[in-house]
Amino acid sequence: MPGVPMFVEVAETREKPETQICCKVVDMLLNRQIGPVGSAGTVEEVRQILEDMKQHNLSPAIFVINTFRAKAILPALDPLTGRLPVLYLRRRLFAGESGLYTSSDMPRSAQMKVALGIAAPRFSAMWYYGGKNADETARRVATAVLRFLEDGDFLHIERGCAAQIASPELET
């Protein structure tokens, strides 16, 4: 394994089971005895896990970040993820409901980059999920992350994103 997958999902996702994508993926990986796996809900927890990894001569391979209700911590995560690949999970909501977009004259794509704190050059992808496809999305994320960990090829993540887009039955 080239490193440890690191999952970040804020505690507010606990309010609705369908928003706990990272928790579902971590459970799937641990049930398959894939480990170690990092799982954090705050920036402080991410820092502590990264420090623990360093002490055990481990390093993160990929970050999977659920952006649902995570607007406040996203900018602080950017320097911690560095140049590592990131898979962002974004809950599909009606426009403006997620809180990621701010009122601005910037084009929508620029707003998203600012909202997500995407500053460092890195491989990144964004997968969408909703209440109807949360379990299927979690399974697909787990599969893509496992394949990525096997050979370090980010195309597994990108192909999963493309498959998600091509599957209208998974729409919310």
N, C-alpha and C. Protein backbone atom coordinates (compact mmCIF):
# COMPACT_ATOMS: atom_id res chain seq x y z
N MET A 1 0.85 -1.17 0.00
CA MET A 1 0.00 0.00 0.00
C MET A 1 0.89 1.24 0.00
N PRO A 2 0.63 2.21 -0.89
CA PRO A 2 1.48 3.39 -0.98
C PRO A 2 1.30 4.35 0.19
N GLY A 3 0.29 4.18 0.99
CA GLY A 3 0.04 5.06 2.13
C GLY A 3 -1.33 4.77 2.71
N VAL A 4 -1.73 5.65 3.59
CA VAL A 4 -2.97 5.48 4.35
C VAL A 4 -4.05 6.40 3.77
N PRO A 5 -5.24 5.88 3.53
CA PRO A 5 -6.32 6.77 3.11
C PRO A 5 -6.79 7.58 4.31
N MET A 6 -7.02 8.87 4.10
CA MET A 6 -7.43 9.77 5.18
C MET A 6 -8.81 10.33 4.84
N PHE A 7 -9.78 10.08 5.71
CA PHE A 7 -11.16 10.51 5.50
C PHE A 7 -11.49 11.64 6.48
N VAL A 8 -12.13 12.69 5.96
CA VAL A 8 -12.50 13.84 6.79
C VAL A 8 -13.99 14.11 6.59
N GLU A 9 -14.70 14.09 7.71
CA GLU A 9 -16.14 14.33 7.68
C GLU A 9 -16.54 14.96 9.01
N VAL A 10 -17.14 16.15 8.97
CA VAL A 10 -17.46 16.86 10.20
C VAL A 10 -18.58 16.16 10.97
N ALA A 11 -18.61 16.42 12.26
CA ALA A 11 -19.57 15.76 13.15
C ALA A 11 -21.02 16.04 12.79
N GLU A 12 -21.29 17.18 12.15
CA GLU A 12 -22.66 17.53 11.81
C GLU A 12 -23.31 16.53 10.86
N THR A 13 -22.51 15.70 10.18
CA THR A 13 -23.09 14.70 9.30
C THR A 13 -23.86 13.64 10.09
N ARG A 14 -23.61 13.55 11.37
CA ARG A 14 -24.28 12.54 12.19
C ARG A 14 -25.78 12.79 12.30
N GLU A 15 -26.21 14.01 11.96
CA GLU A 15 -27.63 14.34 12.03
C GLU A 15 -28.45 13.54 11.03
N LYS A 16 -27.84 13.20 9.90
CA LYS A 16 -28.55 12.47 8.85
C LYS A 16 -27.65 11.34 8.34
N PRO A 17 -28.08 10.09 8.49
CA PRO A 17 -27.24 8.97 8.06
C PRO A 17 -26.81 9.03 6.60
N GLU A 18 -27.65 9.60 5.73
CA GLU A 18 -27.28 9.64 4.31
C GLU A 18 -26.13 10.60 4.03
N THR A 19 -25.75 11.43 4.98
CA THR A 19 -24.63 12.34 4.75
C THR A 19 -23.31 11.79 5.29
N GLN A 20 -23.33 10.63 5.88
CA GLN A 20 -22.14 10.04 6.49
C GLN A 20 -21.38 9.14 5.51
N ILE A 21 -21.05 9.67 4.37
CA ILE A 21 -20.39 8.88 3.33
C ILE A 21 -19.03 8.37 3.82
N CYS A 22 -18.22 9.25 4.38
CA CYS A 22 -16.88 8.82 4.83
C CYS A 22 -16.97 7.75 5.91
N CYS A 23 -17.89 7.92 6.85
CA CYS A 23 -18.06 6.90 7.90
C CYS A 23 -18.42 5.55 7.30
N LYS A 24 -19.29 5.58 6.29
CA LYS A 24 -19.69 4.34 5.63
C LYS A 24 -18.49 3.69 4.93
N VAL A 25 -17.68 4.49 4.25
CA VAL A 25 -16.53 3.95 3.54
C VAL A 25 -15.51 3.38 4.52
N VAL A 26 -15.23 4.12 5.60
CA VAL A 26 -14.29 3.64 6.61
C VAL A 26 -14.75 2.31 7.18
N ASP A 27 -16.05 2.21 7.51
CA ASP A 27 -16.59 0.94 8.01
C ASP A 27 -16.39 -0.19 7.01
N MET A 28 -16.64 0.09 5.73
CA MET A 28 -16.45 -0.93 4.69
C MET A 28 -15.01 -1.39 4.63
N LEU A 29 -14.08 -0.45 4.68
CA LEU A 29 -12.66 -0.80 4.61
C LEU A 29 -12.23 -1.60 5.83
N LEU A 30 -12.64 -1.17 7.00
CA LEU A 30 -12.27 -1.88 8.22
C LEU A 30 -12.90 -3.27 8.27
N ASN A 31 -14.13 -3.41 7.78
CA ASN A 31 -14.77 -4.73 7.73
C ASN A 31 -14.03 -5.68 6.80
N ARG A 32 -13.35 -5.13 5.80
CA ARG A 32 -12.55 -5.95 4.89
C ARG A 32 -11.11 -6.07 5.39
N GLN A 33 -10.88 -5.61 6.61
CA GLN A 33 -9.56 -5.66 7.26
C GLN A 33 -8.51 -4.90 6.46
N ILE A 34 -8.93 -3.77 5.87
CA ILE A 34 -8.02 -2.86 5.19
C ILE A 34 -7.65 -1.80 6.22
N GLY A 35 -6.40 -1.65 6.47
CA GLY A 35 -6.00 -0.64 7.44
C GLY A 35 -4.51 -0.46 7.40
N PRO A 36 -4.02 0.53 8.05
CA PRO A 36 -4.78 1.51 8.82
C PRO A 36 -5.53 2.49 7.93
N VAL A 37 -6.51 3.12 8.55
CA VAL A 37 -7.33 4.12 7.88
C VAL A 37 -7.45 5.31 8.82
N GLY A 38 -7.25 6.52 8.29
CA GLY A 38 -7.41 7.72 9.10
C GLY A 38 -8.82 8.27 8.94
N SER A 39 -9.42 8.68 10.05
CA SER A 39 -10.76 9.24 10.01
C SER A 39 -10.84 10.37 11.01
N ALA A 40 -11.20 11.57 10.53
CA ALA A 40 -11.22 12.75 11.40
C ALA A 40 -12.45 13.58 11.12
N GLY A 41 -12.84 14.37 12.13
CA GLY A 41 -13.97 15.26 11.99
C GLY A 41 -13.62 16.73 12.17
N THR A 42 -12.39 16.99 12.59
CA THR A 42 -11.94 18.37 12.79
C THR A 42 -10.52 18.53 12.25
N VAL A 43 -10.12 19.76 12.06
CA VAL A 43 -8.76 20.03 11.60
C VAL A 43 -7.75 19.54 12.64
N GLU A 44 -8.07 19.73 13.91
CA GLU A 44 -7.17 19.28 14.97
C GLU A 44 -6.97 17.76 14.92
N GLU A 45 -8.06 17.03 14.68
CA GLU A 45 -7.96 15.58 14.56
C GLU A 45 -7.12 15.19 13.36
N VAL A 46 -7.27 15.89 12.25
CA VAL A 46 -6.45 15.61 11.07
C VAL A 46 -4.98 15.81 11.42
N ARG A 47 -4.66 16.92 12.05
CA ARG A 47 -3.26 17.19 12.45
C ARG A 47 -2.72 16.07 13.35
N GLN A 48 -3.52 15.65 14.33
CA GLN A 48 -3.07 14.61 15.25
C GLN A 48 -2.85 13.28 14.53
N ILE A 49 -3.75 12.93 13.64
CA ILE A 49 -3.60 11.67 12.89
C ILE A 49 -2.37 11.73 12.00
N LEU A 50 -2.15 12.87 11.35
CA LEU A 50 -0.95 13.01 10.51
C LEU A 50 0.32 12.90 11.33
N GLU A 51 0.32 13.46 12.53
CA GLU A 51 1.48 13.35 13.42
C GLU A 51 1.67 11.90 13.87
N ASP A 52 0.57 11.22 14.21
CA ASP A 52 0.65 9.80 14.59
C ASP A 52 1.20 8.96 13.44
N MET A 53 0.75 9.25 12.23
CA MET A 53 1.25 8.52 11.07
C MET A 53 2.75 8.70 10.94
N LYS A 54 3.19 9.93 11.07
CA LYS A 54 4.62 10.24 10.93
C LYS A 54 5.44 9.45 11.96
N GLN A 55 4.94 9.37 13.19
CA GLN A 55 5.66 8.65 14.25
C GLN A 55 5.73 7.15 13.96
N HIS A 56 4.81 6.64 13.15
CA HIS A 56 4.81 5.22 12.81
C HIS A 56 5.32 4.96 11.39
N ASN A 57 6.04 5.95 10.85
CA ASN A 57 6.60 5.86 9.50
C ASN A 57 5.54 5.57 8.44
N LEU A 58 4.38 6.16 8.62
CA LEU A 58 3.29 6.06 7.65
C LEU A 58 3.04 7.43 7.07
N SER A 59 2.39 7.45 5.93
CA SER A 59 2.01 8.72 5.34
C SER A 59 0.67 8.57 4.64
N PRO A 60 -0.07 9.68 4.54
CA PRO A 60 -1.34 9.59 3.83
C PRO A 60 -1.11 9.40 2.34
N ALA A 61 -2.01 8.67 1.70
CA ALA A 61 -1.92 8.45 0.26
C ALA A 61 -2.94 9.31 -0.48
N ILE A 62 -4.10 9.50 0.13
CA ILE A 62 -5.19 10.25 -0.48
C ILE A 62 -6.09 10.77 0.63
N PHE A 63 -6.67 11.92 0.39
CA PHE A 63 -7.66 12.48 1.29
C PHE A 63 -9.02 12.35 0.63
N VAL A 64 -10.01 11.92 1.39
CA VAL A 64 -11.40 11.89 0.95
C VAL A 64 -12.13 12.81 1.91
N ILE A 65 -12.66 13.90 1.37
CA ILE A 65 -13.26 14.94 2.21
C ILE A 65 -14.73 15.12 1.85
N ASN A 66 -15.59 14.89 2.83
CA ASN A 66 -17.00 15.16 2.65
C ASN A 66 -17.20 16.65 2.93
N THR A 67 -17.62 17.40 1.93
CA THR A 67 -17.74 18.85 2.07
C THR A 67 -19.03 19.28 2.77
N PHE A 68 -19.93 18.32 3.04
CA PHE A 68 -21.21 18.68 3.67
C PHE A 68 -20.96 19.31 5.04
N ARG A 69 -21.41 20.55 5.18
CA ARG A 69 -21.27 21.34 6.40
C ARG A 69 -19.82 21.52 6.85
N ALA A 70 -18.89 21.43 5.92
CA ALA A 70 -17.47 21.54 6.24
C ALA A 70 -16.85 22.85 5.75
N LYS A 71 -17.67 23.79 5.34
CA LYS A 71 -17.17 25.04 4.76
C LYS A 71 -16.13 25.71 5.67
N ALA A 72 -16.36 25.70 6.96
CA ALA A 72 -15.48 26.40 7.90
C ALA A 72 -14.08 25.77 7.98
N ILE A 73 -13.97 24.46 7.77
CA ILE A 73 -12.66 23.82 7.93
C ILE A 73 -11.92 23.59 6.62
N LEU A 74 -12.59 23.75 5.50
CA LEU A 74 -11.95 23.45 4.21
C LEU A 74 -10.68 24.25 3.95
N PRO A 75 -10.67 25.56 4.20
CA PRO A 75 -9.42 26.30 3.95
C PRO A 75 -8.25 25.83 4.80
N ALA A 76 -8.51 25.40 6.03
CA ALA A 76 -7.44 24.92 6.90
C ALA A 76 -6.95 23.54 6.49
N LEU A 77 -7.78 22.77 5.78
CA LEU A 77 -7.37 21.45 5.33
C LEU A 77 -6.40 21.52 4.16
N ASP A 78 -6.51 22.56 3.35
CA ASP A 78 -5.69 22.66 2.14
C ASP A 78 -4.20 22.51 2.42
N PRO A 79 -3.63 23.25 3.39
CA PRO A 79 -2.20 23.05 3.64
C PRO A 79 -1.86 21.67 4.22
N LEU A 80 -2.82 21.04 4.88
CA LEU A 80 -2.56 19.72 5.45
C LEU A 80 -2.57 18.64 4.38
N THR A 81 -3.37 18.82 3.35
CA THR A 81 -3.41 17.84 2.27
C THR A 81 -2.22 18.01 1.33
N GLY A 82 -1.67 19.23 1.31
CA GLY A 82 -0.49 19.46 0.47
C GLY A 82 -0.77 19.15 -0.98
N ARG A 83 0.10 18.34 -1.57
CA ARG A 83 -0.05 17.99 -2.98
C ARG A 83 -0.64 16.59 -3.17
N LEU A 84 -1.14 16.02 -2.09
CA LEU A 84 -1.74 14.68 -2.19
C LEU A 84 -3.07 14.74 -2.92
N PRO A 85 -3.44 13.66 -3.56
CA PRO A 85 -4.74 13.62 -4.25
C PRO A 85 -5.88 13.77 -3.25
N VAL A 86 -6.95 14.41 -3.72
CA VAL A 86 -8.13 14.62 -2.87
C VAL A 86 -9.38 14.25 -3.66
N LEU A 87 -10.23 13.48 -3.02
CA LEU A 87 -11.57 13.21 -3.54
C LEU A 87 -12.54 13.97 -2.66
N TYR A 88 -13.21 14.95 -3.25
CA TYR A 88 -14.22 15.72 -2.53
C TYR A 88 -15.57 15.07 -2.76
N LEU A 89 -16.32 14.90 -1.69
CA LEU A 89 -17.68 14.38 -1.77
C LEU A 89 -18.62 15.55 -1.47
N ARG A 90 -19.50 15.82 -2.40
CA ARG A 90 -20.38 16.98 -2.24
C ARG A 90 -21.83 16.53 -2.30
N ARG A 91 -22.56 16.91 -1.31
CA ARG A 91 -23.98 16.56 -1.27
C ARG A 91 -24.71 17.40 -2.29
N ARG A 92 -25.49 16.72 -3.10
CA ARG A 92 -26.26 17.41 -4.13
C ARG A 92 -27.50 17.99 -3.46
N LEU A 93 -27.54 19.30 -3.41
CA LEU A 93 -28.67 20.02 -2.81
C LEU A 93 -29.16 21.06 -3.80
N PHE A 94 -30.26 21.66 -3.48
CA PHE A 94 -30.73 22.76 -4.31
C PHE A 94 -29.71 23.89 -4.24
N ALA A 95 -29.63 24.68 -5.27
CA ALA A 95 -28.63 25.75 -5.38
C ALA A 95 -28.61 26.60 -4.12
N GLY A 96 -27.42 26.78 -3.59
CA GLY A 96 -27.23 27.64 -2.44
C GLY A 96 -27.49 27.00 -1.10
N GLU A 97 -28.14 25.84 -1.06
CA GLU A 97 -28.48 25.21 0.20
C GLU A 97 -27.27 24.69 0.96
N SER A 98 -26.24 24.30 0.25
CA SER A 98 -25.09 23.68 0.90
C SER A 98 -24.25 24.66 1.69
N GLY A 99 -24.29 25.94 1.32
CA GLY A 99 -23.46 26.92 2.00
C GLY A 99 -22.07 27.04 1.42
N LEU A 100 -21.72 26.20 0.43
CA LEU A 100 -20.39 26.29 -0.16
C LEU A 100 -20.24 27.51 -1.04
N TYR A 101 -21.32 27.89 -1.72
CA TYR A 101 -21.23 29.06 -2.58
C TYR A 101 -21.49 30.32 -1.76
N THR A 102 -20.74 31.32 -2.05
CA THR A 102 -20.95 32.59 -1.39
C THR A 102 -21.50 33.55 -2.43
N SER A 103 -22.15 34.59 -1.97
CA SER A 103 -22.64 35.57 -2.94
C SER A 103 -21.44 36.36 -3.44
N SER A 104 -21.24 36.31 -4.72
CA SER A 104 -20.07 36.91 -5.32
C SER A 104 -20.31 37.10 -6.80
N ASP A 105 -19.50 37.98 -7.40
CA ASP A 105 -19.59 38.17 -8.83
C ASP A 105 -18.69 37.20 -9.59
N MET A 106 -17.97 36.34 -8.86
CA MET A 106 -17.08 35.38 -9.51
C MET A 106 -17.89 34.34 -10.26
N PRO A 107 -17.33 33.79 -11.34
CA PRO A 107 -18.01 32.68 -12.02
C PRO A 107 -18.17 31.51 -11.05
N ARG A 108 -19.16 30.67 -11.31
CA ARG A 108 -19.48 29.55 -10.42
C ARG A 108 -18.28 28.63 -10.17
N SER A 109 -17.49 28.32 -11.22
CA SER A 109 -16.34 27.44 -11.04
C SER A 109 -15.30 28.06 -10.12
N ALA A 110 -15.10 29.36 -10.24
CA ALA A 110 -14.15 30.04 -9.36
C ALA A 110 -14.67 30.06 -7.93
N GLN A 111 -15.98 30.25 -7.77
CA GLN A 111 -16.56 30.22 -6.42
C GLN A 111 -16.31 28.87 -5.76
N MET A 112 -16.49 27.78 -6.53
CA MET A 112 -16.30 26.45 -5.98
C MET A 112 -14.86 26.27 -5.52
N LYS A 113 -13.90 26.70 -6.32
CA LYS A 113 -12.51 26.55 -5.95
C LYS A 113 -12.19 27.34 -4.69
N VAL A 114 -12.74 28.54 -4.57
CA VAL A 114 -12.52 29.34 -3.37
C VAL A 114 -13.19 28.67 -2.18
N ALA A 115 -14.43 28.21 -2.37
CA ALA A 115 -15.17 27.58 -1.27
C ALA A 115 -14.49 26.32 -0.79
N LEU A 116 -13.93 25.54 -1.70
CA LEU A 116 -13.26 24.30 -1.31
C LEU A 116 -11.83 24.52 -0.86
N GLY A 117 -11.32 25.72 -1.07
CA GLY A 117 -9.94 26.00 -0.66
C GLY A 117 -8.93 25.29 -1.54
N ILE A 118 -9.27 25.06 -2.80
CA ILE A 118 -8.35 24.37 -3.69
C ILE A 118 -7.29 25.38 -4.12
N ALA A 119 -6.14 25.28 -3.52
CA ALA A 119 -5.06 26.21 -3.85
C ALA A 119 -3.84 25.45 -4.34
N ALA A 120 -3.49 24.37 -3.66
CA ALA A 120 -2.31 23.61 -4.04
C ALA A 120 -2.61 22.78 -5.29
N PRO A 121 -1.64 22.73 -6.23
CA PRO A 121 -1.86 21.88 -7.40
C PRO A 121 -1.84 20.41 -6.98
N ARG A 122 -2.86 19.68 -7.37
CA ARG A 122 -2.97 18.27 -6.99
C ARG A 122 -4.02 17.61 -7.86
N PHE A 123 -3.99 16.29 -7.89
CA PHE A 123 -5.09 15.56 -8.50
C PHE A 123 -6.29 15.72 -7.59
N SER A 124 -7.42 16.05 -8.16
CA SER A 124 -8.64 16.13 -7.35
C SER A 124 -9.84 15.78 -8.22
N ALA A 125 -10.84 15.28 -7.56
CA ALA A 125 -12.10 14.94 -8.22
C ALA A 125 -13.22 15.26 -7.25
N MET A 126 -14.41 15.48 -7.79
CA MET A 126 -15.56 15.73 -6.95
C MET A 126 -16.67 14.77 -7.34
N TRP A 127 -17.14 14.03 -6.36
CA TRP A 127 -18.27 13.13 -6.55
C TRP A 127 -19.46 13.72 -5.81
N TYR A 128 -20.62 13.56 -6.39
CA TYR A 128 -21.85 14.05 -5.77
C TYR A 128 -22.64 12.87 -5.20
N TYR A 129 -23.37 13.16 -4.14
CA TYR A 129 -24.23 12.13 -3.55
C TYR A 129 -25.48 12.79 -3.00
N GLY A 130 -26.45 11.97 -2.71
CA GLY A 130 -27.69 12.45 -2.10
C GLY A 130 -28.31 11.33 -1.29
N GLY A 131 -29.46 11.59 -0.76
CA GLY A 131 -30.13 10.61 0.09
C GLY A 131 -30.42 9.29 -0.60
N LYS A 132 -30.72 9.33 -1.89
CA LYS A 132 -31.09 8.11 -2.60
C LYS A 132 -29.89 7.27 -3.02
N ASN A 133 -28.73 7.89 -3.15
CA ASN A 133 -27.58 7.11 -3.64
C ASN A 133 -26.41 7.08 -2.66
N ALA A 134 -26.62 7.42 -1.41
CA ALA A 134 -25.53 7.49 -0.43
C ALA A 134 -24.82 6.14 -0.26
N ASP A 135 -25.58 5.07 -0.12
CA ASP A 135 -24.95 3.76 0.09
C ASP A 135 -24.18 3.31 -1.15
N GLU A 136 -24.77 3.51 -2.32
CA GLU A 136 -24.09 3.14 -3.57
C GLU A 136 -22.84 3.99 -3.78
N THR A 137 -22.93 5.28 -3.48
CA THR A 137 -21.77 6.15 -3.60
C THR A 137 -20.67 5.69 -2.65
N ALA A 138 -21.02 5.34 -1.43
CA ALA A 138 -20.02 4.86 -0.47
C ALA A 138 -19.33 3.60 -0.98
N ARG A 139 -20.09 2.68 -1.55
CA ARG A 139 -19.49 1.46 -2.11
C ARG A 139 -18.54 1.79 -3.26
N ARG A 140 -18.95 2.71 -4.11
CA ARG A 140 -18.09 3.10 -5.23
C ARG A 140 -16.82 3.81 -4.76
N VAL A 141 -16.97 4.65 -3.76
CA VAL A 141 -15.80 5.33 -3.21
C VAL A 141 -14.84 4.30 -2.62
N ALA A 142 -15.37 3.36 -1.84
CA ALA A 142 -14.51 2.33 -1.24
C ALA A 142 -13.76 1.56 -2.32
N THR A 143 -14.45 1.16 -3.37
CA THR A 143 -13.82 0.41 -4.46
C THR A 143 -12.74 1.24 -5.14
N ALA A 144 -13.05 2.50 -5.45
CA ALA A 144 -12.08 3.36 -6.13
C ALA A 144 -10.86 3.63 -5.25
N VAL A 145 -11.08 3.85 -3.97
CA VAL A 145 -9.95 4.11 -3.06
C VAL A 145 -9.08 2.86 -2.93
N LEU A 146 -9.69 1.70 -2.81
CA LEU A 146 -8.91 0.46 -2.74
C LEU A 146 -8.06 0.26 -3.99
N ARG A 147 -8.64 0.50 -5.14
CA ARG A 147 -7.87 0.37 -6.39
C ARG A 147 -6.75 1.39 -6.44
N PHE A 148 -7.03 2.61 -5.99
CA PHE A 148 -5.99 3.64 -5.95
C PHE A 148 -4.85 3.21 -5.03
N LEU A 149 -5.19 2.65 -3.86
CA LEU A 149 -4.16 2.23 -2.91
C LEU A 149 -3.30 1.09 -3.46
N GLU A 150 -3.88 0.27 -4.32
CA GLU A 150 -3.13 -0.84 -4.90
C GLU A 150 -2.02 -0.37 -5.82
N ASP A 151 -2.30 0.65 -6.63
CA ASP A 151 -1.28 1.04 -7.62
C ASP A 151 -0.99 2.54 -7.70
N GLY A 152 -1.68 3.35 -6.90
CA GLY A 152 -1.42 4.78 -6.90
C GLY A 152 -1.93 5.53 -8.12
N ASP A 153 -2.76 4.90 -8.93
CA ASP A 153 -3.26 5.51 -10.16
C ASP A 153 -4.56 6.27 -9.86
N PHE A 154 -4.52 7.59 -9.97
CA PHE A 154 -5.69 8.42 -9.67
C PHE A 154 -6.82 8.22 -10.68
N LEU A 155 -6.53 7.58 -11.79
CA LEU A 155 -7.58 7.31 -12.77
C LEU A 155 -8.72 6.47 -12.19
N HIS A 156 -8.42 5.66 -11.18
CA HIS A 156 -9.49 4.88 -10.54
C HIS A 156 -10.52 5.82 -9.92
N ILE A 157 -10.06 6.91 -9.35
CA ILE A 157 -10.96 7.90 -8.75
C ILE A 157 -11.70 8.64 -9.86
N GLU A 158 -10.97 9.07 -10.88
CA GLU A 158 -11.60 9.80 -11.98
C GLU A 158 -12.60 8.94 -12.74
N ARG A 159 -12.28 7.68 -12.96
CA ARG A 159 -13.22 6.78 -13.65
C ARG A 159 -14.49 6.59 -12.82
N GLY A 160 -14.32 6.50 -11.52
CA GLY A 160 -15.49 6.38 -10.65
C GLY A 160 -16.38 7.60 -10.74
N CYS A 161 -15.76 8.76 -10.87
CA CYS A 161 -16.51 10.00 -11.03
C CYS A 161 -17.26 9.98 -12.35
N ALA A 162 -16.60 9.56 -13.41
CA ALA A 162 -17.23 9.49 -14.73
C ALA A 162 -18.38 8.48 -14.72
N ALA A 163 -18.20 7.36 -14.05
CA ALA A 163 -19.27 6.35 -13.96
C ALA A 163 -20.46 6.91 -13.20
N GLN A 164 -20.18 7.69 -12.18
CA GLN A 164 -21.24 8.28 -11.39
C GLN A 164 -22.06 9.25 -12.25
N ILE A 165 -21.40 10.04 -13.06
CA ILE A 165 -22.07 10.99 -13.92
C ILE A 165 -22.91 10.26 -14.97
N ALA A 166 -22.40 9.13 -15.45
CA ALA A 166 -23.10 8.38 -16.50
C ALA A 166 -24.25 7.53 -15.96
N SER A 167 -24.46 7.50 -14.65
CA SER A 167 -25.51 6.67 -14.07
C SER A 167 -26.66 7.53 -13.55
N PRO A 168 -27.58 7.91 -14.41
CA PRO A 168 -28.67 8.79 -13.96
C PRO A 168 -29.55 8.15 -12.90
N GLU A 169 -29.57 6.83 -12.80
CA GLU A 169 -30.41 6.20 -11.78
C GLU A 169 -29.89 6.48 -10.37
N LEU A 170 -28.67 6.99 -10.27
CA LEU A 170 -28.12 7.31 -8.95
C LEU A 170 -28.38 8.75 -8.54
N GLU A 171 -29.06 9.49 -9.39
CA GLU A 171 -29.35 10.89 -9.07
C GLU A 171 -30.30 10.95 -7.89
N THR A 172 -30.22 12.07 -7.19
CA THR A 172 -31.11 12.27 -6.03
C THR A 172 -32.41 12.87 -6.47
